[in-house]
Amino acid sequence: MSKRPRLLQLALVWMSLTTVVHAGHESTGFSIYLVRHAEKETAATDLRDPPLSPCGELRAGALATMLKDVELERVYSTPYERTRMTASAVADSHQLVLETYDPRNLEGFAALLLESQQHSLVVGHSNTTGVLAALLAGEAGEEFGEDEYDRLYVVTRFGNRGKMILLNQAFNCQQQ
């Protein structure tokens, strides 16, 4: 394993285990990891709900490997095939049930995630993932390009404060 993916993995483990001392007592936070679905099949017969491409399947497996030592209590996906396939790799590796959410109600879903205070993975789309991460962190965020699959947002919450970190996954289909 190259140094870059190992360092990324160590950073994710550290963030999931982080605690802070606040007002004289220890308060444990929680982290929410957000990614866009992996590469989709562009030659699919149903372009509205395509499955993952072979490269996307490899990326989903790499995501599961990267997050294998990260504490996760919930895994969420939109109801689309490409997001379910991406999220299933991680849910299966953590022996968790895949749960769905409505990408058209990001504010309501953000409220549910903040209220549950559980370490979670959320798999979404290019027009929802950055926006949801920003809602969770209380920071500015935006949609990103249709050709970007390497973004991993980590939102860590302690009480009513949030911090968002954007990481780029070190994955390349040609190197697999």
N, C-alpha and C. Protein backbone atom coordinates (compact mmCIF):
# COMPACT_ATOMS: atom_id res chain seq x y z
N MET A 1 0.85 -1.18 0.00
CA MET A 1 0.00 0.00 0.00
C MET A 1 0.89 1.24 0.00
N SER A 2 0.60 2.20 -0.88
CA SER A 2 1.42 3.41 -0.92
C SER A 2 1.18 4.24 0.33
N LYS A 3 2.07 5.19 0.57
CA LYS A 3 1.99 6.01 1.79
C LYS A 3 0.74 6.89 1.80
N ARG A 4 0.36 7.43 0.63
CA ARG A 4 -0.77 8.36 0.59
C ARG A 4 -2.09 7.72 1.04
N PRO A 5 -2.50 6.56 0.48
CA PRO A 5 -3.74 5.95 0.97
C PRO A 5 -3.65 5.55 2.45
N ARG A 6 -2.49 5.09 2.91
CA ARG A 6 -2.34 4.70 4.31
C ARG A 6 -2.48 5.92 5.22
N LEU A 7 -1.89 7.05 4.82
CA LEU A 7 -2.02 8.27 5.62
C LEU A 7 -3.47 8.73 5.66
N LEU A 8 -4.16 8.63 4.53
CA LEU A 8 -5.57 9.00 4.48
C LEU A 8 -6.38 8.10 5.41
N GLN A 9 -6.10 6.82 5.37
CA GLN A 9 -6.80 5.88 6.24
C GLN A 9 -6.54 6.19 7.71
N LEU A 10 -5.30 6.48 8.06
CA LEU A 10 -4.97 6.83 9.44
C LEU A 10 -5.67 8.11 9.87
N ALA A 11 -5.74 9.09 8.97
CA ALA A 11 -6.43 10.35 9.29
C ALA A 11 -7.91 10.09 9.56
N LEU A 12 -8.53 9.22 8.76
CA LEU A 12 -9.94 8.92 8.96
C LEU A 12 -10.17 8.21 10.30
N VAL A 13 -9.31 7.28 10.63
CA VAL A 13 -9.44 6.59 11.92
C VAL A 13 -9.28 7.58 13.06
N TRP A 14 -8.28 8.45 12.97
CA TRP A 14 -8.06 9.45 14.02
C TRP A 14 -9.29 10.33 14.19
N MET A 15 -9.86 10.80 13.07
CA MET A 15 -11.02 11.70 13.16
C MET A 15 -12.22 10.99 13.78
N SER A 16 -12.37 9.69 13.51
CA SER A 16 -13.52 8.99 14.06
C SER A 16 -13.37 8.71 15.55
N LEU A 17 -12.15 8.77 16.07
CA LEU A 17 -11.91 8.49 17.48
C LEU A 17 -11.69 9.75 18.32
N THR A 18 -11.70 10.90 17.69
CA THR A 18 -11.37 12.15 18.36
C THR A 18 -12.39 12.51 19.44
N THR A 19 -11.87 12.99 20.57
CA THR A 19 -12.71 13.55 21.62
C THR A 19 -12.16 14.91 21.99
N VAL A 20 -13.00 15.73 22.56
CA VAL A 20 -12.56 17.05 23.01
C VAL A 20 -12.95 17.26 24.46
N VAL A 21 -12.25 18.15 25.09
CA VAL A 21 -12.61 18.54 26.45
C VAL A 21 -13.32 19.88 26.35
N HIS A 22 -14.53 19.93 26.87
CA HIS A 22 -15.35 21.13 26.77
C HIS A 22 -15.96 21.41 28.14
N ALA A 23 -15.74 22.61 28.63
CA ALA A 23 -16.31 23.07 29.91
C ALA A 23 -15.99 22.10 31.05
N GLY A 24 -14.76 21.60 31.07
CA GLY A 24 -14.33 20.78 32.19
C GLY A 24 -14.73 19.32 32.13
N HIS A 25 -15.42 18.88 31.07
CA HIS A 25 -15.74 17.45 30.96
C HIS A 25 -15.51 16.99 29.53
N GLU A 26 -15.28 15.70 29.40
CA GLU A 26 -14.99 15.15 28.08
C GLU A 26 -16.29 14.95 27.31
N SER A 27 -16.31 15.39 26.08
CA SER A 27 -17.47 15.24 25.22
C SER A 27 -17.04 14.56 23.94
N THR A 28 -17.64 13.43 23.64
CA THR A 28 -17.29 12.71 22.43
C THR A 28 -18.15 13.20 21.29
N GLY A 29 -17.53 13.49 20.18
CA GLY A 29 -18.25 13.93 19.01
C GLY A 29 -18.60 12.75 18.12
N PHE A 30 -19.07 13.07 16.94
CA PHE A 30 -19.37 12.04 15.95
C PHE A 30 -18.98 12.58 14.58
N SER A 31 -18.73 11.65 13.67
CA SER A 31 -18.30 12.04 12.32
C SER A 31 -19.26 11.47 11.29
N ILE A 32 -19.46 12.26 10.24
CA ILE A 32 -20.27 11.84 9.11
C ILE A 32 -19.39 11.95 7.87
N TYR A 33 -19.27 10.85 7.15
CA TYR A 33 -18.46 10.77 5.94
C TYR A 33 -19.41 10.84 4.76
N LEU A 34 -19.10 11.70 3.80
CA LEU A 34 -19.99 11.87 2.66
C LEU A 34 -19.20 11.73 1.36
N VAL A 35 -19.72 10.92 0.45
CA VAL A 35 -19.09 10.73 -0.85
C VAL A 35 -20.17 10.72 -1.93
N ARG A 36 -19.74 11.05 -3.11
CA ARG A 36 -20.59 10.86 -4.27
C ARG A 36 -20.49 9.40 -4.67
N HIS A 37 -21.53 8.88 -5.30
CA HIS A 37 -21.46 7.51 -5.82
C HIS A 37 -20.26 7.36 -6.74
N ALA A 38 -19.79 6.15 -6.90
CA ALA A 38 -18.65 5.87 -7.78
C ALA A 38 -19.09 5.99 -9.25
N GLU A 39 -18.14 5.83 -10.15
CA GLU A 39 -18.39 6.00 -11.58
C GLU A 39 -19.56 5.13 -12.05
N LYS A 40 -20.45 5.77 -12.82
CA LYS A 40 -21.62 5.06 -13.32
C LYS A 40 -21.40 4.58 -14.75
N GLU A 41 -22.17 3.59 -15.13
CA GLU A 41 -22.11 3.03 -16.48
C GLU A 41 -22.78 4.01 -17.43
N THR A 42 -22.03 4.54 -18.39
CA THR A 42 -22.59 5.54 -19.31
C THR A 42 -23.30 4.91 -20.50
N ALA A 43 -23.10 3.62 -20.72
CA ALA A 43 -23.75 2.93 -21.84
C ALA A 43 -24.95 2.11 -21.36
N ALA A 44 -25.44 2.40 -20.17
CA ALA A 44 -26.56 1.63 -19.61
C ALA A 44 -27.84 1.88 -20.40
N THR A 45 -28.73 0.90 -20.40
CA THR A 45 -29.99 1.06 -21.12
C THR A 45 -30.91 2.05 -20.41
N ASP A 46 -30.84 2.11 -19.09
CA ASP A 46 -31.65 3.06 -18.32
C ASP A 46 -30.73 4.16 -17.81
N LEU A 47 -30.63 5.25 -18.56
CA LEU A 47 -29.72 6.34 -18.19
C LEU A 47 -30.20 7.11 -16.96
N ARG A 48 -31.47 6.94 -16.57
CA ARG A 48 -31.97 7.61 -15.37
C ARG A 48 -31.48 6.93 -14.10
N ASP A 49 -31.20 5.63 -14.18
CA ASP A 49 -30.77 4.89 -13.00
C ASP A 49 -29.73 3.83 -13.38
N PRO A 50 -28.57 4.28 -13.87
CA PRO A 50 -27.55 3.32 -14.30
C PRO A 50 -26.82 2.67 -13.12
N PRO A 51 -26.31 1.46 -13.34
CA PRO A 51 -25.47 0.82 -12.32
C PRO A 51 -24.06 1.41 -12.37
N LEU A 52 -23.20 0.92 -11.51
CA LEU A 52 -21.79 1.33 -11.55
C LEU A 52 -21.09 0.69 -12.74
N SER A 53 -20.11 1.40 -13.25
CA SER A 53 -19.24 0.84 -14.28
C SER A 53 -18.24 -0.10 -13.60
N PRO A 54 -17.48 -0.88 -14.37
CA PRO A 54 -16.43 -1.70 -13.74
C PRO A 54 -15.47 -0.86 -12.90
N CYS A 55 -15.12 0.33 -13.38
CA CYS A 55 -14.26 1.23 -12.60
C CYS A 55 -14.97 1.64 -11.31
N GLY A 56 -16.26 1.95 -11.40
CA GLY A 56 -17.02 2.33 -10.23
C GLY A 56 -17.09 1.22 -9.19
N GLU A 57 -17.21 -0.01 -9.65
CA GLU A 57 -17.22 -1.14 -8.72
C GLU A 57 -15.89 -1.25 -8.00
N LEU A 58 -14.79 -1.00 -8.72
CA LEU A 58 -13.47 -1.01 -8.09
C LEU A 58 -13.35 0.12 -7.06
N ARG A 59 -13.86 1.31 -7.42
CA ARG A 59 -13.79 2.44 -6.48
C ARG A 59 -14.63 2.15 -5.23
N ALA A 60 -15.79 1.55 -5.39
CA ALA A 60 -16.63 1.22 -4.24
C ALA A 60 -15.90 0.24 -3.31
N GLY A 61 -15.22 -0.73 -3.90
CA GLY A 61 -14.43 -1.66 -3.09
C GLY A 61 -13.28 -0.97 -2.39
N ALA A 62 -12.64 -0.04 -3.08
CA ALA A 62 -11.53 0.72 -2.47
C ALA A 62 -12.04 1.58 -1.32
N LEU A 63 -13.24 2.14 -1.47
CA LEU A 63 -13.83 2.94 -0.39
C LEU A 63 -14.09 2.06 0.84
N ALA A 64 -14.62 0.87 0.61
CA ALA A 64 -14.88 -0.05 1.72
C ALA A 64 -13.57 -0.40 2.43
N THR A 65 -12.52 -0.62 1.67
CA THR A 65 -11.21 -0.93 2.26
C THR A 65 -10.69 0.26 3.06
N MET A 66 -10.82 1.46 2.50
CA MET A 66 -10.33 2.65 3.16
C MET A 66 -11.07 2.91 4.48
N LEU A 67 -12.35 2.59 4.52
CA LEU A 67 -13.16 2.87 5.71
C LEU A 67 -13.31 1.67 6.64
N LYS A 68 -12.58 0.60 6.38
CA LYS A 68 -12.78 -0.64 7.16
C LYS A 68 -12.49 -0.47 8.64
N ASP A 69 -11.56 0.40 9.01
CA ASP A 69 -11.23 0.60 10.42
C ASP A 69 -11.89 1.82 11.04
N VAL A 70 -12.77 2.46 10.29
CA VAL A 70 -13.49 3.64 10.77
C VAL A 70 -14.79 3.18 11.43
N GLU A 71 -15.07 3.72 12.60
CA GLU A 71 -16.31 3.36 13.28
C GLU A 71 -17.49 3.93 12.51
N LEU A 72 -18.39 3.06 12.09
CA LEU A 72 -19.63 3.47 11.44
C LEU A 72 -20.79 2.77 12.11
N GLU A 73 -21.85 3.54 12.34
CA GLU A 73 -23.06 2.99 12.94
C GLU A 73 -24.21 2.94 11.95
N ARG A 74 -24.15 3.78 10.91
CA ARG A 74 -25.20 3.85 9.89
C ARG A 74 -24.56 4.09 8.53
N VAL A 75 -25.20 3.56 7.49
CA VAL A 75 -24.80 3.81 6.11
C VAL A 75 -26.06 4.18 5.35
N TYR A 76 -26.02 5.35 4.70
CA TYR A 76 -27.18 5.88 3.98
C TYR A 76 -26.87 6.03 2.50
N SER A 77 -27.90 5.84 1.68
CA SER A 77 -27.79 5.99 0.24
C SER A 77 -29.10 6.56 -0.29
N THR A 78 -29.03 7.24 -1.41
CA THR A 78 -30.27 7.60 -2.10
C THR A 78 -30.83 6.30 -2.70
N PRO A 79 -32.06 6.32 -3.21
CA PRO A 79 -32.65 5.08 -3.72
C PRO A 79 -32.14 4.64 -5.10
N TYR A 80 -31.16 5.32 -5.65
CA TYR A 80 -30.68 5.00 -6.99
C TYR A 80 -29.66 3.87 -6.97
N GLU A 81 -29.64 3.09 -8.05
CA GLU A 81 -28.77 1.92 -8.16
C GLU A 81 -27.30 2.25 -7.92
N ARG A 82 -26.81 3.33 -8.54
CA ARG A 82 -25.38 3.65 -8.43
C ARG A 82 -24.97 4.03 -7.00
N THR A 83 -25.86 4.72 -6.28
CA THR A 83 -25.53 5.06 -4.89
C THR A 83 -25.66 3.83 -3.99
N ARG A 84 -26.67 3.01 -4.24
CA ARG A 84 -26.83 1.79 -3.44
C ARG A 84 -25.64 0.85 -3.64
N MET A 85 -25.16 0.72 -4.86
CA MET A 85 -24.02 -0.16 -5.13
C MET A 85 -22.76 0.36 -4.43
N THR A 86 -22.56 1.67 -4.44
CA THR A 86 -21.39 2.27 -3.78
C THR A 86 -21.48 2.07 -2.27
N ALA A 87 -22.63 2.37 -1.70
CA ALA A 87 -22.81 2.28 -0.25
C ALA A 87 -22.82 0.84 0.25
N SER A 88 -23.32 -0.08 -0.56
CA SER A 88 -23.42 -1.48 -0.14
C SER A 88 -22.06 -2.08 0.17
N ALA A 89 -21.04 -1.70 -0.57
CA ALA A 89 -19.70 -2.24 -0.32
C ALA A 89 -19.26 -1.92 1.11
N VAL A 90 -19.53 -0.70 1.56
CA VAL A 90 -19.15 -0.28 2.91
C VAL A 90 -20.10 -0.90 3.94
N ALA A 91 -21.39 -0.86 3.68
CA ALA A 91 -22.37 -1.43 4.62
C ALA A 91 -22.07 -2.91 4.86
N ASP A 92 -21.80 -3.64 3.79
CA ASP A 92 -21.50 -5.07 3.93
C ASP A 92 -20.25 -5.30 4.77
N SER A 93 -19.21 -4.50 4.54
CA SER A 93 -17.96 -4.70 5.28
C SER A 93 -18.10 -4.37 6.76
N HIS A 94 -19.09 -3.54 7.11
CA HIS A 94 -19.35 -3.19 8.51
C HIS A 94 -20.54 -3.97 9.08
N GLN A 95 -21.11 -4.84 8.28
CA GLN A 95 -22.29 -5.63 8.68
C GLN A 95 -23.43 -4.72 9.14
N LEU A 96 -23.69 -3.70 8.32
CA LEU A 96 -24.76 -2.75 8.60
C LEU A 96 -25.83 -2.84 7.52
N VAL A 97 -27.04 -2.49 7.88
CA VAL A 97 -28.14 -2.44 6.93
C VAL A 97 -28.07 -1.10 6.19
N LEU A 98 -28.19 -1.14 4.88
CA LEU A 98 -28.19 0.07 4.07
C LEU A 98 -29.55 0.76 4.20
N GLU A 99 -29.52 2.05 4.55
CA GLU A 99 -30.74 2.83 4.71
C GLU A 99 -30.82 3.88 3.61
N THR A 100 -32.03 4.21 3.17
CA THR A 100 -32.18 5.19 2.10
C THR A 100 -32.67 6.52 2.65
N TYR A 101 -32.33 7.57 1.90
CA TYR A 101 -32.81 8.92 2.22
C TYR A 101 -33.22 9.60 0.93
N ASP A 102 -34.01 10.63 1.06
CA ASP A 102 -34.52 11.38 -0.08
C ASP A 102 -33.58 12.54 -0.39
N PRO A 103 -32.89 12.53 -1.53
CA PRO A 103 -31.95 13.61 -1.85
C PRO A 103 -32.64 14.95 -2.13
N ARG A 104 -33.96 14.94 -2.24
CA ARG A 104 -34.69 16.19 -2.46
C ARG A 104 -35.02 16.90 -1.15
N ASN A 105 -34.72 16.26 -0.01
CA ASN A 105 -35.00 16.86 1.30
C ASN A 105 -33.72 16.88 2.14
N LEU A 106 -32.72 17.61 1.66
CA LEU A 106 -31.43 17.63 2.35
C LEU A 106 -31.50 18.28 3.73
N GLU A 107 -32.29 19.33 3.87
CA GLU A 107 -32.40 19.99 5.18
C GLU A 107 -33.00 19.05 6.22
N GLY A 108 -34.04 18.33 5.85
CA GLY A 108 -34.65 17.38 6.78
C GLY A 108 -33.71 16.23 7.11
N PHE A 109 -32.98 15.74 6.10
CA PHE A 109 -32.03 14.65 6.34
C PHE A 109 -30.87 15.13 7.21
N ALA A 110 -30.40 16.35 6.98
CA ALA A 110 -29.32 16.90 7.82
C ALA A 110 -29.78 16.98 9.27
N ALA A 111 -31.01 17.41 9.49
CA ALA A 111 -31.54 17.49 10.86
C ALA A 111 -31.58 16.11 11.50
N LEU A 112 -31.99 15.10 10.75
CA LEU A 112 -32.03 13.73 11.27
C LEU A 112 -30.63 13.24 11.64
N LEU A 113 -29.64 13.50 10.77
CA LEU A 113 -28.26 13.08 11.05
C LEU A 113 -27.71 13.78 12.29
N LEU A 114 -27.98 15.07 12.41
CA LEU A 114 -27.48 15.81 13.57
C LEU A 114 -28.15 15.36 14.86
N GLU A 115 -29.42 15.04 14.78
CA GLU A 115 -30.14 14.58 15.96
C GLU A 115 -29.68 13.18 16.39
N SER A 116 -29.39 12.32 15.43
CA SER A 116 -29.01 10.94 15.78
C SER A 116 -27.61 10.87 16.38
N GLN A 117 -26.73 11.80 16.01
CA GLN A 117 -25.36 11.86 16.54
C GLN A 117 -24.63 10.53 16.41
N GLN A 118 -24.73 9.91 15.23
CA GLN A 118 -24.07 8.62 15.00
C GLN A 118 -23.03 8.75 13.90
N HIS A 119 -21.96 7.99 14.04
CA HIS A 119 -20.94 7.92 12.99
C HIS A 119 -21.61 7.29 11.77
N SER A 120 -21.61 8.02 10.65
CA SER A 120 -22.37 7.59 9.49
C SER A 120 -21.61 7.83 8.20
N LEU A 121 -21.96 7.03 7.19
CA LEU A 121 -21.53 7.27 5.82
C LEU A 121 -22.77 7.62 5.02
N VAL A 122 -22.66 8.67 4.21
CA VAL A 122 -23.76 9.08 3.34
C VAL A 122 -23.23 9.09 1.91
N VAL A 123 -23.89 8.34 1.03
CA VAL A 123 -23.52 8.31 -0.39
C VAL A 123 -24.60 9.06 -1.16
N GLY A 124 -24.16 10.07 -1.91
CA GLY A 124 -25.09 10.91 -2.65
C GLY A 124 -24.65 11.16 -4.07
N HIS A 125 -24.91 12.37 -4.54
CA HIS A 125 -24.69 12.75 -5.93
C HIS A 125 -23.88 14.04 -6.00
N SER A 126 -23.43 14.39 -7.19
CA SER A 126 -22.60 15.59 -7.36
C SER A 126 -23.35 16.86 -6.97
N ASN A 127 -24.66 16.86 -7.11
CA ASN A 127 -25.44 18.05 -6.77
C ASN A 127 -25.99 18.04 -5.35
N THR A 128 -25.68 16.99 -4.55
CA THR A 128 -26.19 16.94 -3.18
C THR A 128 -25.11 16.76 -2.12
N THR A 129 -24.03 16.07 -2.44
CA THR A 129 -23.05 15.69 -1.42
C THR A 129 -22.38 16.90 -0.77
N GLY A 130 -21.86 17.83 -1.57
CA GLY A 130 -21.22 19.02 -1.02
C GLY A 130 -22.19 19.92 -0.27
N VAL A 131 -23.41 20.00 -0.78
CA VAL A 131 -24.44 20.82 -0.14
C VAL A 131 -24.81 20.24 1.22
N LEU A 132 -24.99 18.91 1.29
CA LEU A 132 -25.33 18.26 2.56
C LEU A 132 -24.19 18.39 3.56
N ALA A 133 -22.96 18.22 3.11
CA ALA A 133 -21.80 18.37 4.00
C ALA A 133 -21.78 19.77 4.61
N ALA A 134 -22.06 20.77 3.79
CA ALA A 134 -22.08 22.16 4.28
C ALA A 134 -23.20 22.37 5.30
N LEU A 135 -24.37 21.81 5.04
CA LEU A 135 -25.47 21.93 6.00
C LEU A 135 -25.09 21.31 7.34
N LEU A 136 -24.41 20.17 7.31
CA LEU A 136 -24.03 19.48 8.54
C LEU A 136 -22.95 20.23 9.31
N ALA A 137 -22.05 20.88 8.58
CA ALA A 137 -20.93 21.58 9.23
C ALA A 137 -21.26 23.03 9.57
N GLY A 138 -22.31 23.57 8.97
CA GLY A 138 -22.61 24.98 9.17
C GLY A 138 -21.63 25.86 8.42
N GLU A 139 -21.11 25.35 7.31
CA GLU A 139 -20.14 26.07 6.49
C GLU A 139 -20.68 26.22 5.07
N ALA A 140 -19.98 26.99 4.26
CA ALA A 140 -20.36 27.15 2.87
C ALA A 140 -20.00 25.89 2.09
N GLY A 141 -20.84 25.52 1.16
CA GLY A 141 -20.59 24.35 0.32
C GLY A 141 -21.34 24.49 -0.98
N GLU A 142 -21.02 23.62 -1.92
CA GLU A 142 -21.65 23.75 -3.23
C GLU A 142 -21.65 22.42 -3.96
N GLU A 143 -22.38 22.41 -5.06
CA GLU A 143 -22.36 21.26 -5.95
C GLU A 143 -20.98 21.18 -6.60
N PHE A 144 -20.66 20.02 -7.16
CA PHE A 144 -19.41 19.90 -7.90
C PHE A 144 -19.65 19.18 -9.21
N GLY A 145 -18.62 19.08 -10.04
CA GLY A 145 -18.75 18.59 -11.40
C GLY A 145 -19.17 17.14 -11.54
N GLU A 146 -19.86 16.86 -12.63
CA GLU A 146 -20.31 15.51 -12.96
C GLU A 146 -19.15 14.53 -13.16
N ASP A 147 -17.96 15.04 -13.41
CA ASP A 147 -16.81 14.17 -13.66
C ASP A 147 -15.93 13.98 -12.42
N GLU A 148 -16.37 14.44 -11.26
CA GLU A 148 -15.58 14.34 -10.03
C GLU A 148 -16.13 13.22 -9.15
N TYR A 149 -15.26 12.25 -8.87
CA TYR A 149 -15.66 11.10 -8.06
C TYR A 149 -14.75 10.90 -6.85
N ASP A 150 -13.76 11.75 -6.68
CA ASP A 150 -12.74 11.48 -5.66
C ASP A 150 -12.91 12.28 -4.37
N ARG A 151 -13.97 13.03 -4.23
CA ARG A 151 -14.16 13.84 -3.02
C ARG A 151 -14.71 13.02 -1.86
N LEU A 152 -14.10 13.19 -0.71
CA LEU A 152 -14.59 12.58 0.53
C LEU A 152 -14.68 13.69 1.56
N TYR A 153 -15.90 14.03 1.94
CA TYR A 153 -16.13 15.04 2.97
C TYR A 153 -16.20 14.33 4.32
N VAL A 154 -15.54 14.90 5.31
CA VAL A 154 -15.63 14.40 6.68
C VAL A 154 -16.12 15.56 7.53
N VAL A 155 -17.31 15.40 8.09
CA VAL A 155 -17.88 16.42 8.97
C VAL A 155 -17.83 15.85 10.39
N THR A 156 -17.11 16.52 11.26
CA THR A 156 -17.02 16.11 12.65
C THR A 156 -17.77 17.12 13.49
N ARG A 157 -18.65 16.62 14.34
CA ARG A 157 -19.49 17.47 15.18
C ARG A 157 -19.19 17.25 16.65
N PHE A 158 -19.10 18.34 17.39
CA PHE A 158 -18.96 18.33 18.84
C PHE A 158 -19.99 19.31 19.36
N GLY A 159 -21.02 18.81 20.00
CA GLY A 159 -22.09 19.70 20.47
C GLY A 159 -22.74 20.39 19.28
N ASN A 160 -22.81 21.71 19.34
CA ASN A 160 -23.43 22.45 18.24
C ASN A 160 -22.41 23.00 17.26
N ARG A 161 -21.17 22.52 17.34
CA ARG A 161 -20.12 23.00 16.44
C ARG A 161 -19.71 21.89 15.48
N GLY A 162 -19.46 22.29 14.24
CA GLY A 162 -19.05 21.33 13.23
C GLY A 162 -17.83 21.80 12.47
N LYS A 163 -17.08 20.85 11.97
CA LYS A 163 -15.91 21.15 11.15
C LYS A 163 -15.94 20.22 9.95
N MET A 164 -15.74 20.78 8.76
CA MET A 164 -15.75 20.00 7.54
C MET A 164 -14.34 19.95 6.95
N ILE A 165 -13.93 18.75 6.58
CA ILE A 165 -12.65 18.55 5.91
C ILE A 165 -12.95 17.88 4.58
N LEU A 166 -12.33 18.35 3.52
CA LEU A 166 -12.48 17.75 2.20
C LEU A 166 -11.20 17.02 1.85
N LEU A 167 -11.31 15.73 1.61
CA LEU A 167 -10.16 14.91 1.22
C LEU A 167 -10.37 14.41 -0.20
N ASN A 168 -9.28 14.20 -0.91
CA ASN A 168 -9.36 13.59 -2.23
C ASN A 168 -8.88 12.16 -2.13
N GLN A 169 -9.72 11.24 -2.57
CA GLN A 169 -9.36 9.83 -2.53
C GLN A 169 -8.25 9.55 -3.53
N ALA A 170 -7.27 8.79 -3.12
CA ALA A 170 -6.16 8.43 -4.00
C ALA A 170 -6.53 7.14 -4.73
N PHE A 171 -7.38 7.26 -5.74
CA PHE A 171 -7.84 6.09 -6.48
C PHE A 171 -7.77 6.40 -7.96
N ASN A 172 -7.28 5.45 -8.73
CA ASN A 172 -7.18 5.59 -10.17
C ASN A 172 -7.47 4.23 -10.78
N CYS A 173 -8.50 4.15 -11.61
CA CYS A 173 -8.89 2.86 -12.20
C CYS A 173 -7.76 2.22 -12.99
N GLN A 174 -6.96 3.01 -13.66
CA GLN A 174 -5.89 2.47 -14.48
C GLN A 174 -4.79 1.83 -13.64
N GLN A 175 -4.70 2.17 -12.36
CA GLN A 175 -3.67 1.61 -11.49
C GLN A 175 -4.17 0.39 -10.72
N GLN A 176 -5.40 -0.01 -10.93
CA GLN A 176 -5.96 -1.15 -10.18
C GLN A 176 -5.74 -2.45 -10.92
